[in-house]
Every structure is written in C-alpha cells, then in structure tokens.
PDB file of N, CA and C in Angstrom:
ATOM      1  N   MET A   1       8.684 -15.408   9.649  1.00  0.00           N
ATOM      2  CA  MET A   1       7.912 -14.337   9.401  1.00  0.00           C
ATOM      3  C   MET A   1       8.034 -14.622   7.777  1.00  0.00           C
ATOM      4  N   ALA A   2       7.218 -14.630   7.023  1.00  0.00           N
ATOM      5  CA  ALA A   2       6.421 -14.709   5.819  1.00  0.00           C
ATOM      6  C   ALA A   2       7.357 -14.665   5.092  1.00  0.00           C
ATOM      7  N   ASP A   3       7.342 -14.937   3.964  1.00  0.00           N
ATOM      8  CA  ASP A   3       8.611 -14.797   2.696  1.00  0.00           C
ATOM      9  C   ASP A   3       7.953 -13.236   1.979  1.00  0.00           C
ATOM     10  N   VAL A   4       8.854 -12.577   2.411  1.00  0.00           N
ATOM     11  CA  VAL A   4       8.441 -11.241   1.302  1.00  0.00           C
ATOM     12  C   VAL A   4       8.952 -10.835  -0.026  1.00  0.00           C
ATOM     13  N   THR A   5       8.181 -10.410  -1.304  1.00  0.00           N
ATOM     14  CA  THR A   5       8.456 -10.675  -2.337  1.00  0.00           C
ATOM     15  C   THR A   5       9.338  -9.080  -2.621  1.00  0.00           C
ATOM     16  N   VAL A   6      10.630  -9.111  -3.091  1.00  0.00           N
ATOM     17  CA  VAL A   6      11.357  -7.776  -3.130  1.00  0.00           C
ATOM     18  C   VAL A   6      10.813  -7.588  -4.852  1.00  0.00           C
ATOM     19  N   HIS A   7      10.692  -6.244  -5.029  1.00  0.00           N
ATOM     20  CA  HIS A   7      10.415  -5.883  -6.160  1.00  0.00           C
ATOM     21  C   HIS A   7      11.229  -5.719  -7.336  1.00  0.00           C
ATOM     22  N   GLN A   8      11.172  -5.914  -8.784  1.00  0.00           N
ATOM     23  CA  GLN A   8      12.218  -6.056  -9.293  1.00  0.00           C
ATOM     24  C   GLN A   8      11.977  -4.602 -10.287  1.00  0.00           C
ATOM     25  N   CYS A   9      13.098  -3.750 -10.086  1.00  0.00           N
ATOM     26  CA  CYS A   9      13.295  -2.611 -10.978  1.00  0.00           C
ATOM     27  C   CYS A   9      12.729  -2.585 -12.346  1.00  0.00           C
ATOM     28  N   ALA A  10      12.135  -1.564 -12.640  1.00  0.00           N
ATOM     29  CA  ALA A  10      11.533  -1.483 -14.098  1.00  0.00           C
ATOM     30  C   ALA A  10      12.086  -0.175 -15.037  1.00  0.00           C
ATOM     31  N   CYS A  11      13.172   0.170 -14.457  1.00  0.00           N
ATOM     32  CA  CYS A  11      13.957   1.249 -15.077  1.00  0.00           C
ATOM     33  C   CYS A  11      14.320   0.615 -16.097  1.00  0.00           C
ATOM     34  N   PRO A  12      14.780   1.097 -17.189  1.00  0.00           N
ATOM     35  CA  PRO A  12      15.348   1.046 -18.629  1.00  0.00           C
ATOM     36  C   PRO A  12      16.513   0.217 -18.785  1.00  0.00           C
ATOM     37  N   CYS A  13      17.350   0.534 -17.632  1.00  0.00           N
ATOM     38  CA  CYS A  13      18.619  -0.069 -17.836  1.00  0.00           C
ATOM     39  C   CYS A  13      18.444  -1.332 -17.263  1.00  0.00           C
ATOM     40  N   CYS A  14      17.694  -1.354 -16.082  1.00  0.00           N
ATOM     41  CA  CYS A  14      17.418  -2.785 -15.335  1.00  0.00           C
ATOM     42  C   CYS A  14      16.674  -4.045 -16.144  1.00  0.00           C
ATOM     43  N   ARG A  15      15.823  -2.880 -16.575  1.00  0.00           N
ATOM     44  CA  ARG A  15      15.054  -4.236 -17.344  1.00  0.00           C
ATOM     45  C   ARG A  15      15.451  -4.866 -18.619  1.00  0.00           C
ATOM     46  N   GLU A  16      16.658  -4.301 -19.248  1.00  0.00           N
ATOM     47  CA  GLU A  16      17.529  -4.643 -20.457  1.00  0.00           C
ATOM     48  C   GLU A  16      18.477  -5.868 -19.843  1.00  0.00           C
ATOM     49  N   GLY A  17      18.739  -5.578 -18.480  1.00  0.00           N
ATOM     50  CA  GLY A  17      19.785  -6.380 -17.987  1.00  0.00           C
ATOM     51  C   GLY A  17      21.067  -5.521 -17.761  1.00  0.00           C
ATOM     52  N   GLN A  18      21.343  -4.527 -18.244  1.00  0.00           N
ATOM     53  CA  GLN A  18      22.772  -4.047 -18.642  1.00  0.00           C
ATOM     54  C   GLN A  18      23.028  -3.838 -17.101  1.00  0.00           C
ATOM     55  N   ASP A  19      24.343  -4.144 -16.941  1.00  0.00           N
ATOM     56  CA  ASP A  19      25.021  -3.610 -15.871  1.00  0.00           C
ATOM     57  C   ASP A  19      25.660  -2.414 -15.865  1.00  0.00           C
ATOM     58  N   HIS A  20      24.398  -1.598 -14.705  1.00  0.00           N
ATOM     59  CA  HIS A  20      25.053  -0.087 -14.581  1.00  0.00           C
ATOM     60  C   HIS A  20      25.368   0.135 -12.965  1.00  0.00           C
ATOM     61  N   PRO A  21      25.977   1.264 -12.942  1.00  0.00           N
ATOM     62  CA  PRO A  21      26.322   1.701 -11.480  1.00  0.00           C
ATOM     63  C   PRO A  21      25.200   1.672 -10.353  1.00  0.00           C
ATOM     64  N   GLU A  22      23.858   1.844 -10.936  1.00  0.00           N
ATOM     65  CA  GLU A  22      22.691   2.048 -10.009  1.00  0.00           C
ATOM     66  C   GLU A  22      21.912   0.634  -9.714  1.00  0.00           C
ATOM     67  N   ARG A  23      22.509  -0.232 -10.278  1.00  0.00           N
ATOM     68  CA  ARG A  23      21.677  -1.304 -10.383  1.00  0.00           C
ATOM     69  C   ARG A  23      21.889  -1.754  -8.766  1.00  0.00           C
ATOM     70  N   GLN A  24      22.360  -1.937  -8.294  1.00  0.00           N
ATOM     71  CA  GLN A  24      22.876  -2.407  -6.816  1.00  0.00           C
ATOM     72  C   GLN A  24      22.221  -1.547  -6.013  1.00  0.00           C
ATOM     73  N   LEU A  25      22.077  -0.507  -6.223  1.00  0.00           N
ATOM     74  CA  LEU A  25      21.281   0.767  -5.494  1.00  0.00           C
ATOM     75  C   LEU A  25      20.244   0.569  -5.513  1.00  0.00           C
ATOM     76  N   HIS A  26      19.530   0.121  -6.952  1.00  0.00           N
ATOM     77  CA  HIS A  26      18.066  -0.335  -7.165  1.00  0.00           C
ATOM     78  C   HIS A  26      17.339  -1.122  -6.014  1.00  0.00           C
ATOM     79  N   HIS A  27      18.383  -2.471  -6.213  1.00  0.00           N
ATOM     80  CA  HIS A  27      18.139  -3.274  -5.543  1.00  0.00           C
ATOM     81  C   HIS A  27      17.753  -3.313  -4.021  1.00  0.00           C
ATOM     82  N   GLN A  28      18.768  -2.836  -3.683  1.00  0.00           N
ATOM     83  CA  GLN A  28      18.968  -2.414  -2.202  1.00  0.00           C
ATOM     84  C   GLN A  28      17.865  -1.553  -1.524  1.00  0.00           C
ATOM     85  N   ILE A  29      17.288  -0.842  -2.804  1.00  0.00           N
ATOM     86  CA  ILE A  29      16.072   0.295  -2.261  1.00  0.00           C
ATOM     87  C   ILE A  29      14.775  -0.521  -2.021  1.00  0.00           C
ATOM     88  N   ASN A  30      14.524  -1.742  -3.209  1.00  0.00           N
ATOM     89  CA  ASN A  30      13.604  -2.432  -3.544  1.00  0.00           C
ATOM     90  C   ASN A  30      13.590  -2.974  -1.981  1.00  0.00           C
ATOM     91  N   LEU A  31      14.676  -3.979  -1.712  1.00  0.00           N
ATOM     92  CA  LEU A  31      15.086  -4.965  -0.381  1.00  0.00           C
ATOM     93  C   LEU A  31      14.186  -4.024   0.878  1.00  0.00           C
ATOM     94  N   LEU A  32      15.292  -2.876   1.144  1.00  0.00           N
ATOM     95  CA  LEU A  32      14.465  -1.988   2.376  1.00  0.00           C
ATOM     96  C   LEU A  32      13.006  -2.112   2.320  1.00  0.00           C
ATOM     97  N   MET A  33      12.633  -1.154   1.187  1.00  0.00           N
ATOM     98  CA  MET A  33      11.369  -0.877   0.636  1.00  0.00           C
ATOM     99  C   MET A  33      10.292  -2.420   1.652  1.00  0.00           C
ATOM    100  N   SER A  34      10.692  -3.713   1.051  1.00  0.00           N
ATOM    101  CA  SER A  34      10.032  -4.818   1.159  1.00  0.00           C
ATOM    102  C   SER A  34       9.683  -5.167   2.463  1.00  0.00           C
ATOM    103  N   ARG A  35      10.734  -4.361   3.644  1.00  0.00           N
ATOM    104  CA  ARG A  35      10.313  -4.559   5.306  1.00  0.00           C
ATOM    105  C   ARG A  35      10.208  -3.490   5.731  1.00  0.00           C
ATOM    106  N   LEU A  36       9.695  -2.132   5.131  1.00  0.00           N
ATOM    107  CA  LEU A  36       8.735  -1.123   5.558  1.00  0.00           C
ATOM    108  C   LEU A  36       7.176  -1.121   5.534  1.00  0.00           C
ATOM    109  N   ASP A  37       6.512  -0.634   6.341  1.00  0.00           N
ATOM    110  CA  ASP A  37       4.919  -0.413   6.424  1.00  0.00           C
ATOM    111  C   ASP A  37       4.902   0.875   4.997  1.00  0.00           C
ATOM    112  N   GLU A  38       3.518   1.210   4.802  1.00  0.00           N
ATOM    113  CA  GLU A  38       3.650   1.913   3.784  1.00  0.00           C
ATOM    114  C   GLU A  38       3.604   3.046   3.946  1.00  0.00           C
ATOM    115  N   GLN A  39       3.639   3.713   4.878  1.00  0.00           N
ATOM    116  CA  GLN A  39       3.921   5.161   4.761  1.00  0.00           C
ATOM    117  C   GLN A  39       5.495   5.128   4.733  1.00  0.00           C
ATOM    118  N   GLN A  40       6.127   4.549   5.388  1.00  0.00           N
ATOM    119  CA  GLN A  40       7.391   4.318   5.700  1.00  0.00           C
ATOM    120  C   GLN A  40       8.380   4.203   4.249  1.00  0.00           C
ATOM    121  N   ARG A  41       7.410   3.151   3.289  1.00  0.00           N
ATOM    122  CA  ARG A  41       7.942   3.237   1.858  1.00  0.00           C
ATOM    123  C   ARG A  41       7.389   4.498   1.087  1.00  0.00           C
ATOM    124  N   ARG A  42       6.359   5.190   1.279  1.00  0.00           N
ATOM    125  CA  ARG A  42       6.368   6.458   0.721  1.00  0.00           C
ATOM    126  C   ARG A  42       7.293   7.264   0.758  1.00  0.00           C
ATOM    127  N   TRP A  43       7.506   7.698   2.065  1.00  0.00           N
ATOM    128  CA  TRP A  43       8.622   8.371   2.896  1.00  0.00           C
ATOM    129  C   TRP A  43      10.123   8.402   2.001  1.00  0.00           C
ATOM    130  N   LEU A  44      10.415   7.234   2.083  1.00  0.00           N
ATOM    131  CA  LEU A  44      12.046   6.686   1.341  1.00  0.00           C
ATOM    132  C   LEU A  44      11.944   6.960   0.102  1.00  0.00           C
ATOM    133  N   ALA A  45      10.478   6.610  -0.798  1.00  0.00           N
ATOM    134  CA  ALA A  45      10.971   7.070  -2.263  1.00  0.00           C
ATOM    135  C   ALA A  45      10.804   8.413  -2.179  1.00  0.00           C
ATOM    136  N   ALA A  46      10.122   9.216  -1.335  1.00  0.00           N
ATOM    137  CA  ALA A  46       9.720  10.664  -1.680  1.00  0.00           C
ATOM    138  C   ALA A  46      11.274  10.991  -1.464  1.00  0.00           C
ATOM    139  N   LEU A  47      12.276  10.752  -0.206  1.00  0.00           N
ATOM    140  CA  LEU A  47      13.469  11.279  -0.329  1.00  0.00           C
ATOM    141  C   LEU A  47      14.383  11.037  -1.288  1.00  0.00           C
ATOM    142  N   GLU A  48      14.454   9.740  -1.652  1.00  0.00           N
ATOM    143  CA  GLU A  48      15.313   9.095  -2.822  1.00  0.00           C
ATOM    144  C   GLU A  48      14.848  10.327  -4.166  1.00  0.00           C
ATOM    145  N   SER A  49      13.654  10.411  -4.415  1.00  0.00           N
ATOM    146  CA  SER A  49      13.202  11.057  -5.253  1.00  0.00           C
ATOM    147  C   SER A  49      13.977  12.824  -5.120  1.00  0.00           C
ATOM    148  N   LYS A  50      13.524  13.129  -4.363  1.00  0.00           N
ATOM    149  CA  LYS A  50      14.434  14.898  -3.727  1.00  0.00           C
ATOM    150  C   LYS A  50      16.012  14.642  -4.244  1.00  0.00           C
ATOM    151  N   LYS A  51      16.531  13.591  -3.841  1.00  0.00           N
ATOM    152  CA  LYS A  51      17.602  13.427  -4.431  1.00  0.00           C
ATOM    153  C   LYS A  51      18.262  13.603  -5.623  1.00  0.00           C
ATOM    154  N   VAL A  52      17.174  12.724  -6.445  1.00  0.00           N
ATOM    155  CA  VAL A  52      17.610  12.489  -7.868  1.00  0.00           C
ATOM    156  C   VAL A  52      17.100  14.023  -8.340  1.00  0.00           C
ATOM    157  N   GLY A  53      16.026  14.819  -7.902  1.00  0.00           N
ATOM    158  CA  GLY A  53      15.950  15.998  -8.381  1.00  0.00           C
ATOM    159  C   GLY A  53      14.861  15.766  -9.395  1.00  0.00           C
ATOM    160  N   HIS A  54      14.702  16.788 -10.299  1.00  0.00           N
ATOM    161  CA  HIS A  54      14.071  17.069 -11.392  1.00  0.00           C
ATOM    162  C   HIS A  54      13.461  15.508 -12.590  1.00  0.00           C
ATOM    163  N   GLY A  55      12.211  15.325 -12.095  1.00  0.00           N
ATOM    164  CA  GLY A  55      11.816  13.735 -12.809  1.00  0.00           C
ATOM    165  C   GLY A  55      12.153  12.698 -11.740  1.00  0.00           C
ATOM    166  N   GLY A  56      12.523  12.951 -10.226  1.00  0.00           N
ATOM    167  CA  GLY A  56      12.752  11.956  -9.697  1.00  0.00           C
ATOM    168  C   GLY A  56      11.988  11.296  -9.161  1.00  0.00           C
ATOM    169  N   ASP A  57      10.562  11.593  -9.385  1.00  0.00           N
ATOM    170  CA  ASP A  57       9.348  10.889  -9.042  1.00  0.00           C
ATOM    171  C   ASP A  57       9.075   9.668  -9.865  1.00  0.00           C
ATOM    172  N   THR A  58       8.853  10.422 -11.363  1.00  0.00           N
ATOM    173  CA  THR A  58       9.030   8.890 -12.489  1.00  0.00           C
ATOM    174  C   THR A  58       9.992   8.027 -12.339  1.00  0.00           C
ATOM    175  N   VAL A  59      11.677   8.342 -11.818  1.00  0.00           N
ATOM    176  CA  VAL A  59      12.312   7.488 -11.795  1.00  0.00           C
ATOM    177  C   VAL A  59      12.427   6.627 -10.785  1.00  0.00           C
ATOM    178  N   LEU A  60      11.875   7.201  -9.423  1.00  0.00           N
ATOM    179  CA  LEU A  60      11.574   6.402  -8.269  1.00  0.00           C
ATOM    180  C   LEU A  60      10.362   5.164  -8.571  1.00  0.00           C
ATOM    181  N   ALA A  61       9.622   5.821  -9.515  1.00  0.00           N
ATOM    182  CA  ALA A  61       7.796   4.967  -9.327  1.00  0.00           C
ATOM    183  C   ALA A  61       8.415   3.771 -10.222  1.00  0.00           C
ATOM    184  N   GLN A  62       9.336   4.005 -11.292  1.00  0.00           N
ATOM    185  CA  GLN A  62       9.942   2.864 -11.683  1.00  0.00           C
ATOM    186  C   GLN A  62      10.893   1.966 -11.400  1.00  0.00           C
ATOM    187  N   VAL A  63      11.806   2.544 -10.413  1.00  0.00           N
ATOM    188  CA  VAL A  63      12.702   1.472  -9.453  1.00  0.00           C
ATOM    189  C   VAL A  63      11.663   0.882  -8.293  1.00  0.00           C
ATOM    190  N   THR A  64      10.604   1.809  -8.031  1.00  0.00           N
ATOM    191  CA  THR A  64      10.199   0.875  -6.770  1.00  0.00           C
ATOM    192  C   THR A  64       8.590   0.264  -6.923  1.00  0.00           C
ATOM    193  N   GLY A  65       7.979   0.982  -7.902  1.00  0.00           N
ATOM    194  CA  GLY A  65       6.827   0.023  -8.850  1.00  0.00           C
ATOM    195  C   GLY A  65       5.593   1.252  -7.784  1.00  0.00           C
ATOM    196  N   LEU A  66       6.127   2.270  -7.039  1.00  0.00           N
ATOM    197  CA  LEU A  66       5.088   2.793  -6.317  1.00  0.00           C
ATOM    198  C   LEU A  66       4.475   3.522  -7.674  1.00  0.00           C
ATOM    199  N   HIS A  67       3.188   4.082  -7.587  1.00  0.00           N
ATOM    200  CA  HIS A  67       2.626   5.059  -8.193  1.00  0.00           C
ATOM    201  C   HIS A  67       3.159   6.607  -7.894  1.00  0.00           C
ATOM    202  N   ILE A  68       3.289   7.205  -8.994  1.00  0.00           N
ATOM    203  CA  ILE A  68       4.101   8.581  -9.254  1.00  0.00           C
ATOM    204  C   ILE A  68       2.849   9.383  -7.949  1.00  0.00           C
ATOM    205  N   ASP A  69       1.941   9.425  -7.536  1.00  0.00           N
ATOM    206  CA  ASP A  69       1.062  10.414  -6.956  1.00  0.00           C
ATOM    207  C   ASP A  69       1.353   9.749  -5.139  1.00  0.00           C
ATOM    208  N   THR A  70       1.580   8.536  -5.123  1.00  0.00           N
ATOM    209  CA  THR A  70       2.056   8.288  -4.020  1.00  0.00           C
ATOM    210  C   THR A  70       3.702   8.861  -3.306  1.00  0.00           C
ATOM    211  N   ILE A  71       4.561   8.760  -4.153  1.00  0.00           N
ATOM    212  CA  ILE A  71       5.652   9.511  -4.044  1.00  0.00           C
ATOM    213  C   ILE A  71       5.254  10.852  -3.829  1.00  0.00           C
ATOM    214  N   ARG A  72       5.209  11.400  -4.923  1.00  0.00           N
ATOM    215  CA  ARG A  72       4.320  13.050  -4.578  1.00  0.00           C
ATOM    216  C   ARG A  72       3.734  13.259  -3.023  1.00  0.00           C
ATOM    217  N   ARG A  73       2.774  12.232  -2.495  1.00  0.00           N
ATOM    218  CA  ARG A  73       2.129  12.498  -1.584  1.00  0.00           C
ATOM    219  C   ARG A  73       3.317  12.614  -0.444  1.00  0.00           C
ATOM    220  N   GLY A  74       4.371  11.623  -0.422  1.00  0.00           N
ATOM    221  CA  GLY A  74       4.949  10.965   0.566  1.00  0.00           C
ATOM    222  C   GLY A  74       6.399  12.533   0.713  1.00  0.00           C
ATOM    223  N   ARG A  75       6.318  13.507  -0.514  1.00  0.00           N
ATOM    224  CA  ARG A  75       7.175  14.479  -0.392  1.00  0.00           C
ATOM    225  C   ARG A  75       6.758  15.616   0.305  1.00  0.00           C
ATOM    226  N   GLU A  76       5.292  15.660  -0.240  1.00  0.00           N
ATOM    227  CA  GLU A  76       4.837  16.623   0.582  1.00  0.00           C
ATOM    228  C   GLU A  76       4.122  16.140   1.714  1.00  0.00           C
ATOM    229  N   GLU A  77       4.089  15.554   2.407  1.00  0.00           N
ATOM    230  CA  GLU A  77       3.958  15.179   4.049  1.00  0.00           C
ATOM    231  C   GLU A  77       5.682  15.171   4.477  1.00  0.00           C
ATOM    232  N   LEU A  78       6.780  14.978   4.020  1.00  0.00           N
ATOM    233  CA  LEU A  78       8.124  15.173   4.378  1.00  0.00           C
ATOM    234  C   LEU A  78       8.400  16.560   4.366  1.00  0.00           C
ATOM    235  N   ASP A  79       7.516  17.539   3.457  1.00  0.00           N
ATOM    236  CA  ASP A  79       7.984  18.896   3.371  1.00  0.00           C
ATOM    237  C   ASP A  79       7.312  19.638   4.880  1.00  0.00           C
ATOM    238  N   ALA A  80       6.253  19.067   5.308  1.00  0.00           N
ATOM    239  CA  ALA A  80       4.941  19.388   5.822  1.00  0.00           C
ATOM    240  C   ALA A  80       5.717  18.742   7.729  1.00  0.00           C
ATOM    241  N   ASP A  81       6.846  18.379   7.221  1.00  0.00           N
ATOM    242  CA  ASP A  81       7.781  17.777   8.734  1.00  0.00           C
ATOM    243  C   ASP A  81       6.649  16.556   9.751  1.00  0.00           C
ATOM    244  N   LEU A  82       6.145  15.849   8.322  1.00  0.00           N
ATOM    245  CA  LEU A  82       4.742  14.690   8.887  1.00  0.00           C
ATOM    246  C   LEU A  82       3.964  15.316   9.877  1.00  0.00           C
ATOM    247  N   GLU A  83       3.842  16.862   9.948  1.00  0.00           N
ATOM    248  CA  GLU A  83       2.585  17.356  10.540  1.00  0.00           C
ATOM    249  C   GLU A  83       1.329  16.568  10.645  1.00  0.00           C
ATOM    250  N   GLY A  84       0.991  15.934  11.567  1.00  0.00           N
ATOM    251  CA  GLY A  84      -0.477  14.958  11.827  1.00  0.00           C
ATOM    252  C   GLY A  84      -0.675  13.545  11.219  1.00  0.00           C
ATOM    253  N   ARG A  85       0.953  13.218  10.911  1.00  0.00           N
ATOM    254  CA  ARG A  85       1.234  11.553  10.532  1.00  0.00           C
ATOM    255  C   ARG A  85       1.044  11.287  11.988  1.00  0.00           C
ATOM    256  N   PRO A  86       0.274   9.662  12.399  1.00  0.00           N
ATOM    257  CA  PRO A  86       0.273   9.134  13.841  1.00  0.00           C
ATOM    258  C   PRO A  86       1.801   8.593  13.538  1.00  0.00           C
ATOM    259  N   THR A  87       2.011   8.292  15.103  1.00  0.00           N
ATOM    260  CA  THR A  87       3.648   7.822  15.236  1.00  0.00           C
ATOM    261  C   THR A  87       3.236   6.342  16.118  1.00  0.00           C
ATOM    262  N   ASP A  88       1.886   6.363  16.242  1.00  0.00           N
ATOM    263  CA  ASP A  88       1.736   4.344  16.664  1.00  0.00           C
ATOM    264  C   ASP A  88       0.605   4.177  15.866  1.00  0.00           C
ATOM    265  N   ARG A  89       0.757   4.105  14.445  1.00  0.00           N
ATOM    266  CA  ARG A  89       0.000   3.706  13.707  1.00  0.00           C
ATOM    267  C   ARG A  89       0.073   3.921  12.473  1.00  0.00           C
ATOM    268  N   VAL A  90      -0.313   3.112  11.528  1.00  0.00           N
ATOM    269  CA  VAL A  90       0.296   3.537  10.045  1.00  0.00           C
ATOM    270  C   VAL A  90      -0.806   4.689   9.041  1.00  0.00           C
ATOM    271  N   ARG A  91      -2.135   4.235   9.491  1.00  0.00           N
ATOM    272  CA  ARG A  91      -2.970   5.359   9.351  1.00  0.00           C
ATOM    273  C   ARG A  91      -3.770   6.003  10.131  1.00  0.00           C
ATOM    274  N   LYS A  92      -4.083   7.166   9.433  1.00  0.00           N
ATOM    275  CA  LYS A  92      -4.877   7.964  10.617  1.00  0.00           C
ATOM    276  C   LYS A  92      -6.168   7.287  11.004  1.00  0.00           C
ATOM    277  N   PRO A  93      -6.914   8.050  12.124  1.00  0.00           N
ATOM    278  CA  PRO A  93      -8.056   7.071  12.857  1.00  0.00           C
ATOM    279  C   PRO A  93      -8.806   7.587  11.987  1.00  0.00           C
ATOM    280  N   GLY A  94      -9.933   6.033  11.246  1.00  0.00           N
ATOM    281  CA  GLY A  94     -11.121   6.824  10.669  1.00  0.00           C
ATOM    282  C   GLY A  94     -10.538   5.986   9.697  1.00  0.00           C
ATOM    283  N   ALA A  95      -9.143   6.306   8.816  1.00  0.00           N
ATOM    284  CA  ALA A  95      -8.843   5.221   7.339  1.00  0.00           C
ATOM    285  C   ALA A  95      -9.418   3.806   7.388  1.00  0.00           C
ATOM    286  N   GLY A  96      -8.887   3.702   6.009  1.00  0.00           N
ATOM    287  CA  GLY A  96      -9.155   2.378   5.714  1.00  0.00           C
ATOM    288  C   GLY A  96     -10.570   1.856   5.485  1.00  0.00           C
ATOM    289  N   ARG A  97     -10.687   0.671   5.020  1.00  0.00           N
ATOM    290  CA  ARG A  97     -12.055  -0.001   4.861  1.00  0.00           C
ATOM    291  C   ARG A  97     -13.121   0.227   6.097  1.00  0.00           C
ATOM    292  N   PRO A  98     -14.622   0.373   5.760  1.00  0.00           N
ATOM    293  CA  PRO A  98     -15.059   0.388   6.731  1.00  0.00           C
ATOM    294  C   PRO A  98     -15.653  -0.696   6.885  1.00  0.00           C
ATOM    295  N   PRO A  99     -15.720  -1.273   8.420  1.00  0.00           N
ATOM    296  CA  PRO A  99     -16.205  -2.364   8.843  1.00  0.00           C
ATOM    297  C   PRO A  99     -17.733  -2.773   7.938  1.00  0.00           C
ATOM    298  N   GLY A 100     -17.866  -3.953   7.600  1.00  0.00           N
ATOM    299  CA  GLY A 100     -18.721  -5.014   7.243  1.00  0.00           C
ATOM    300  C   GLY A 100     -20.148  -4.955   7.720  1.00  0.00           C
ATOM    301  N   LYS A 101     -21.150  -4.980   7.187  1.00  0.00           N
ATOM    302  CA  LYS A 101     -22.474  -5.405   7.932  1.00  0.00           C
ATOM    303  C   LYS A 101     -22.467  -6.645   8.118  1.00  0.00           C
ATOM    304  N   LYS A 102     -22.914  -7.278   9.491  1.00  0.00           N
ATOM    305  CA  LYS A 102     -22.591  -8.361   9.853  1.00  0.00           C
ATOM    306  C   LYS A 102     -24.433  -9.384   9.514  1.00  0.00           C
ATOM    307  N   ARG A 103     -24.052 -10.257   8.780  1.00  0.00           N
ATOM    308  CA  ARG A 103     -25.609 -10.782   8.007  1.00  0.00           C
ATOM    309  C   ARG A 103     -25.959 -12.135   8.700  1.00  0.00           C
ATOM    310  N   ILE A 104     -27.139 -12.359   9.084  1.00  0.00           N
ATOM    311  CA  ILE A 104     -27.128 -13.448   9.541  1.00  0.00           C
ATOM    312  C   ILE A 104     -27.841 -14.425   8.472  1.00  0.00           C
ATOM    313  N   ARG A 105     -27.481 -15.428   8.527  1.00  0.00           N
ATOM    314  CA  ARG A 105     -28.031 -16.618   7.377  1.00  0.00           C
ATOM    315  C   ARG A 105     -28.979 -17.500   8.125  1.00  0.00           C
ATOM    316  N   PRO A 106     -30.094 -17.445   7.655  1.00  0.00           N
ATOM    317  CA  PRO A 106     -31.248 -18.325   7.790  1.00  0.00           C
ATOM    318  C   PRO A 106     -30.470 -19.836   8.286  1.00  0.00           C
ATOM    319  N   SER A 107     -31.328 -20.622   9.204  1.00  0.00           N
ATOM    320  CA  SER A 107     -30.600 -21.958   9.786  1.00  0.00           C
ATOM    321  C   SER A 107     -31.493 -22.760   9.301  1.00  0.00           C
ATOM    322  N   SER A 108     -31.401 -24.181   9.417  1.00  0.00           N
ATOM    323  CA  SER A 108     -32.120 -25.332   8.928  1.00  0.00           C
ATOM    324  C   SER A 108     -33.073 -25.490   9.297  1.00  0.00           C
ATOM    325  N   THR A 109     -33.335 -24.691  10.783  1.00  0.00           N
ATOM    326  CA  THR A 109     -34.696 -25.271  11.392  1.00  0.00           C
ATOM    327  C   THR A 109     -35.296 -24.463  10.991  1.00  0.00           C
ATOM    328  N   THR A 110     -35.122 -23.472  10.658  1.00  0.00           N
ATOM    329  CA  THR A 110     -36.370 -22.323  10.404  1.00  0.00           C
ATOM    330  C   THR A 110     -36.732 -22.540   9.134  1.00  0.00           C
ATOM    331  N   CYS A 111     -36.308 -23.139   7.848  1.00  0.00           N
ATOM    332  CA  CYS A 111     -36.808 -23.833   6.634  1.00  0.00           C
ATOM    333  C   CYS A 111     -36.592 -22.518   5.616  1.00  0.00           C
ATOM    334  N   GLY A 112     -36.115 -21.485   5.546  1.00  0.00           N
ATOM    335  CA  GLY A 112     -35.891 -20.798   4.893  1.00  0.00           C
ATOM    336  C   GLY A 112     -36.784 -19.583   5.215  1.00  0.00           C
ATOM    337  N   ARG A 113     -37.634 -19.518   6.318  1.00  0.00           N
ATOM    338  CA  ARG A 113     -38.137 -18.403   6.710  1.00  0.00           C
ATOM    339  C   ARG A 113     -37.415 -17.615   7.710  1.00  0.00           C
ATOM    340  N   SER A 114     -37.976 -16.276   7.391  1.00  0.00           N
ATOM    341  CA  SER A 114     -37.278 -15.146   8.571  1.00  0.00           C
ATOM    342  C   SER A 114     -37.189 -15.343   9.926  1.00  0.00           C
ATOM    343  N   PRO A 115     -36.613 -15.411  10.915  1.00  0.00           N
ATOM    344  CA  PRO A 115     -36.842 -15.703  12.199  1.00  0.00           C
ATOM    345  C   PRO A 115     -37.802 -14.445  12.756  1.00  0.00           C
ATOM    346  N   HIS A 116     -38.001 -13.396  12.273  1.00  0.00           N
ATOM    347  CA  HIS A 116     -38.526 -12.266  12.605  1.00  0.00           C
ATOM    348  C   HIS A 116     -40.233 -12.162  11.780  1.00  0.00           C
ATOM    349  N   ARG A 117     -40.440 -13.249  11.075  1.00  0.00           N
ATOM    350  CA  ARG A 117     -41.341 -13.089  10.095  1.00  0.00           C
ATOM    351  C   ARG A 117     -42.490 -14.351  10.851  1.00  0.00           C
ATOM    352  N   PRO A 118     -43.916 -13.796  11.420  1.00  0.00           N
ATOM    353  CA  PRO A 118     -44.614 -15.249  11.555  1.00  0.00           C
ATOM    354  C   PRO A 118     -44.812 -16.260  10.755  1.00  0.00           C
ATOM    355  N   PRO A 119     -44.854 -17.510  10.652  1.00  0.00           N
ATOM    356  CA  PRO A 119     -45.238 -18.523   9.712  1.00  0.00           C
ATOM    357  C   PRO A 119     -46.625 -17.863   9.099  1.00  0.00           C
ATOM    358  N   ALA A 120     -46.536 -18.516   7.546  1.00  0.00           N
ATOM    359  CA  ALA A 120     -47.713 -18.216   7.009  1.00  0.00           C
ATOM    360  C   ALA A 120     -49.040 -18.983   7.783  1.00  0.00           C
ATOM    361  N   ALA A 121     -50.072 -18.353   7.536  1.00  0.00           N
ATOM    362  CA  ALA A 121     -51.492 -18.717   7.728  1.00  0.00           C
ATOM    363  C   ALA A 121     -51.736 -20.105   7.152  1.00  0.00           C
ATOM    364  N   THR A 122     -52.497 -21.037   7.596  1.00  0.00           N
ATOM    365  CA  THR A 122     -52.953 -22.353   7.090  1.00  0.00           C
ATOM    366  C   THR A 122     -54.568 -22.475   7.235  1.00  0.00           C
ATOM    367  N   ARG A 123     -55.294 -23.011   6.003  1.00  0.00           N
ATOM    368  CA  ARG A 123     -56.467 -23.006   6.146  1.00  0.00           C
ATOM    369  C   ARG A 123     -57.355 -24.427   6.423  1.00  0.00           C
TER     370      ARG A 123
END
C-alpha cells in the first residue's frame, strides 16, 4: 500500500504547538480520515461537526483540511439518511471527469499529411 499522508491539524492550539486535551483526538481523526474514501471522510467530518454543535463545520474544516461546504454537504447527506448515495461506488453514476476524446497523431509515413486528405496535385 502506498504511503498515505496524514493531514496536520490547523486549529489555533495545534498550530501553536500547545499541548491541549483535543490534540490527540485531532490527530486520530486525521489518521482515520487518511484511510477513508472521499464520501466517508465527508460523513465522518459531518458527524464530528454535529458533536461540536454551533461552529462545528468551521472547527472541523480547520482540523481536517476539508472545505466547510464539503462538511455541510456531508451533514445534509446524513440528515437525509444517505438517501440516493450509492453503496457500491464512491460517486454517483455519471459523476467525475468526462472521458477525453481520442486523438490520432500523424505517423511518420504520412509526412505530416492527414490520412483522410488526398495528396496535393503536382504539375
């Protein structure tokens, strides 16, 4: 398995290097998040945000590095009992980057001509 980077908490207390009671919890949340897929990270951050209460999205955004809108979206998905979320895949069908168009590069045998264009007439 590839080495996974664990996010460093950016809350004010952890950033200043203070030894505070939540420091180990922040590290463990980030360690666990490093092993989850994107929707599981979103849901865990949303659940922890609910535990904090008012301002929880902002706190968890600092702790995890996730965007506040991502945590809010996770909270909305949890409130809807994960309705419509696929169980066998990370993203909904059709989500993600669209496939690129296949391009054919001219080969050296065509000397820069398009294979679909007839050669120029000679006089």
